[in-house]
Protein backbone atom coordinates (compact mmCIF):
# COMPACT_ATOMS: atom_id res chain seq x y z
CA UNK A 1 11.40 57.40 13.41
CA UNK A 2 13.04 54.57 11.52
CA UNK A 3 15.73 55.28 8.96
CA UNK A 4 14.57 52.74 6.39
CA UNK A 5 11.23 51.40 5.16
CA UNK A 6 10.22 48.40 3.18
CA UNK A 7 6.89 47.73 1.57
CA UNK A 8 5.56 44.27 2.48
CA UNK A 9 2.77 42.81 0.39
CA UNK A 10 0.38 41.27 2.90
CA UNK A 11 -1.55 38.35 1.46
CA UNK A 12 -3.82 37.34 4.29
CA UNK A 13 -3.07 33.68 3.64
CA UNK A 14 -2.80 31.53 6.79
CA UNK A 15 -0.57 30.36 8.43
CA UNK A 16 1.77 33.06 7.05
CA UNK A 17 -0.78 35.84 7.86
CA UNK A 18 -3.99 35.72 9.87
CA UNK A 19 -6.42 38.51 9.04
CA UNK A 20 -8.61 38.02 12.13
CA UNK A 21 -6.55 40.09 14.54
CA UNK A 22 -8.04 43.16 16.15
CA UNK A 23 -5.75 45.54 14.21
CA UNK A 24 -4.91 44.00 10.89
CA UNK A 25 -2.16 43.58 10.01
CA UNK A 26 -0.55 42.92 13.41
CA UNK A 27 3.14 42.16 13.41
CA UNK A 28 3.75 41.09 17.02
CA UNK A 29 1.73 38.75 19.23
CA UNK A 30 -0.39 40.26 21.99
CA UNK A 31 -3.27 39.21 24.20
CA UNK A 32 -5.72 40.46 21.52
CA UNK A 33 -3.82 38.68 18.74
CA UNK A 34 -1.92 35.63 19.89
CA UNK A 35 -0.84 34.53 16.44
CA UNK A 36 -0.69 37.22 13.74
CA UNK A 37 1.15 34.86 11.40
CA UNK A 38 4.66 33.55 11.21
CA UNK A 39 5.77 35.68 8.23
CA UNK A 40 4.49 38.89 9.88
CA UNK A 41 6.28 38.04 13.12
CA UNK A 42 9.50 37.17 11.35
CA UNK A 43 9.24 40.25 9.14
CA UNK A 44 8.93 42.42 12.29
CA UNK A 45 11.99 40.78 13.82
CA UNK A 46 13.98 41.52 10.69
CA UNK A 47 12.69 45.11 10.55
CA UNK A 48 13.66 45.64 14.17
CA UNK A 49 17.11 44.21 13.51
CA UNK A 50 17.78 46.49 10.54
CA UNK A 51 16.00 49.46 12.13
CA UNK A 52 13.34 49.66 9.42
CA UNK A 53 9.66 50.36 9.32
CA UNK A 54 7.33 48.04 7.53
CA UNK A 55 4.87 49.71 5.16
CA UNK A 56 2.01 47.19 4.83
CA UNK A 57 0.45 46.80 1.38
CA UNK A 58 -2.67 44.69 1.87
CA UNK A 59 -3.91 42.53 -0.98
CA UNK A 60 -5.59 39.35 -1.96
CA UNK A 61 -4.85 36.71 -4.59
CA UNK A 62 -7.91 37.99 -6.49
CA UNK A 63 -6.18 41.33 -7.02
CA UNK A 64 -3.08 39.54 -8.29
CA UNK A 65 -4.77 37.05 -10.60
CA UNK A 66 -1.98 34.53 -10.60
CA UNK A 67 -1.75 34.35 -6.77
CA UNK A 68 1.74 33.45 -5.52
CA UNK A 69 3.38 34.14 -8.85
CA UNK A 70 4.28 32.46 -12.13
CA UNK A 71 6.41 33.48 -15.02
CA UNK A 72 4.40 33.59 -18.23
CA UNK A 73 6.06 34.50 -21.54
CA UNK A 74 8.98 36.06 -19.63
CA UNK A 75 6.80 38.21 -17.35
CA UNK A 76 6.24 37.59 -13.65
CA UNK A 77 2.58 37.59 -12.61
CA UNK A 78 0.93 37.46 -9.21
CA UNK A 79 2.66 38.34 -5.96
CA UNK A 80 6.11 37.77 -7.48
CA UNK A 81 5.15 40.16 -10.29
CA UNK A 82 4.54 42.87 -7.67
CA UNK A 83 8.08 42.35 -6.29
CA UNK A 84 9.66 42.14 -9.77
CA UNK A 85 7.88 45.32 -10.89
CA UNK A 86 9.06 47.04 -7.66
CA UNK A 87 5.53 47.75 -6.46
CA UNK A 88 6.62 46.21 -3.13
CA UNK A 89 9.91 45.01 -1.62
CA UNK A 90 8.79 41.66 -0.26
CA UNK A 91 5.78 39.37 0.06
CA UNK A 92 4.30 37.99 3.31
CA UNK A 93 4.77 34.35 2.27
CA UNK A 94 7.67 31.95 2.10
CA UNK A 95 8.94 30.78 -1.28
CA UNK A 96 11.02 27.75 -2.09
CA UNK A 97 14.17 28.30 -4.03
CA UNK A 98 13.94 27.43 -7.74
CA UNK A 99 16.41 28.13 -10.49
CA UNK A 100 13.75 30.07 -12.40
CA UNK A 101 13.02 32.32 -9.45
CA UNK A 102 16.76 32.78 -8.75
CA UNK A 103 17.19 34.31 -12.20
CA UNK A 104 15.09 37.33 -11.13
CA UNK A 105 15.01 37.36 -7.32
CA UNK A 106 17.39 37.25 -4.39
CA UNK A 107 16.82 34.69 -1.65
CA UNK A 108 17.66 35.13 2.02
CA UNK A 109 19.14 32.45 4.17
CA UNK A 110 16.35 30.20 5.51
CA UNK A 111 14.45 32.14 8.17
CA UNK A 112 12.12 29.38 9.26
CA UNK A 113 12.25 25.56 9.21
CA UNK A 114 9.33 23.30 9.91
CA UNK A 115 9.56 19.54 10.03
CA UNK A 116 6.85 18.37 7.71
CA UNK A 117 5.58 14.86 8.45
CA UNK A 118 2.90 12.52 7.15
CA UNK A 119 0.23 11.60 9.68
CA UNK A 120 -1.78 8.44 9.54
CA UNK A 121 -3.84 6.24 11.85
CA UNK A 122 -1.89 3.85 14.08
CA UNK A 123 -3.16 0.79 12.22
CA UNK A 124 -3.08 2.34 8.77
CA UNK A 125 -1.40 0.45 5.90
CA UNK A 126 -0.21 3.86 4.65
CA UNK A 127 2.45 4.03 7.32
CA UNK A 128 4.32 0.90 6.05
CA UNK A 129 6.26 2.74 3.27
CA UNK A 130 7.35 5.34 5.77
CA UNK A 131 8.55 2.65 8.17
CA UNK A 132 10.72 1.30 5.36
CA UNK A 133 12.11 4.78 4.73
CA UNK A 134 12.94 5.22 8.41
CA UNK A 135 14.73 1.88 8.59
CA UNK A 136 16.78 2.78 5.50
CA UNK A 137 17.62 6.26 6.73
CA UNK A 138 17.94 6.08 10.51
CA UNK A 139 18.29 9.87 10.90
CA UNK A 140 14.69 10.27 9.81
CA UNK A 141 12.17 9.75 12.59
CA UNK A 142 8.40 9.74 12.48
């Protein structure tokens, strides 16, 4: 039995969470569920590290009308509203840091980093501005 628990709002929004696994939600990859979702996997790693049990709270953006969360007239709505109102402890999606969010929420250190890139055809004229960017900033590679 784990000493601590945390309530994780599970959104079912890929790629953070995939709802097509045999037992949903699944927190660790297996032969029956190769990719449960990166937030679920990372959440389980964190839970294991702090010796905590995850209590899944399954939802959809339809239940939380404002989806990921916005602050309207001083009140958080959506998934962030559930955290702010202490219905859950965390949400199964990653959020970017903003000053507005930092007023009411605590952010962890980055737990995941993906190199986002623009993809185009080899002969596309779209790639020209990115080639200029790369030549100006040699540490950037396409």
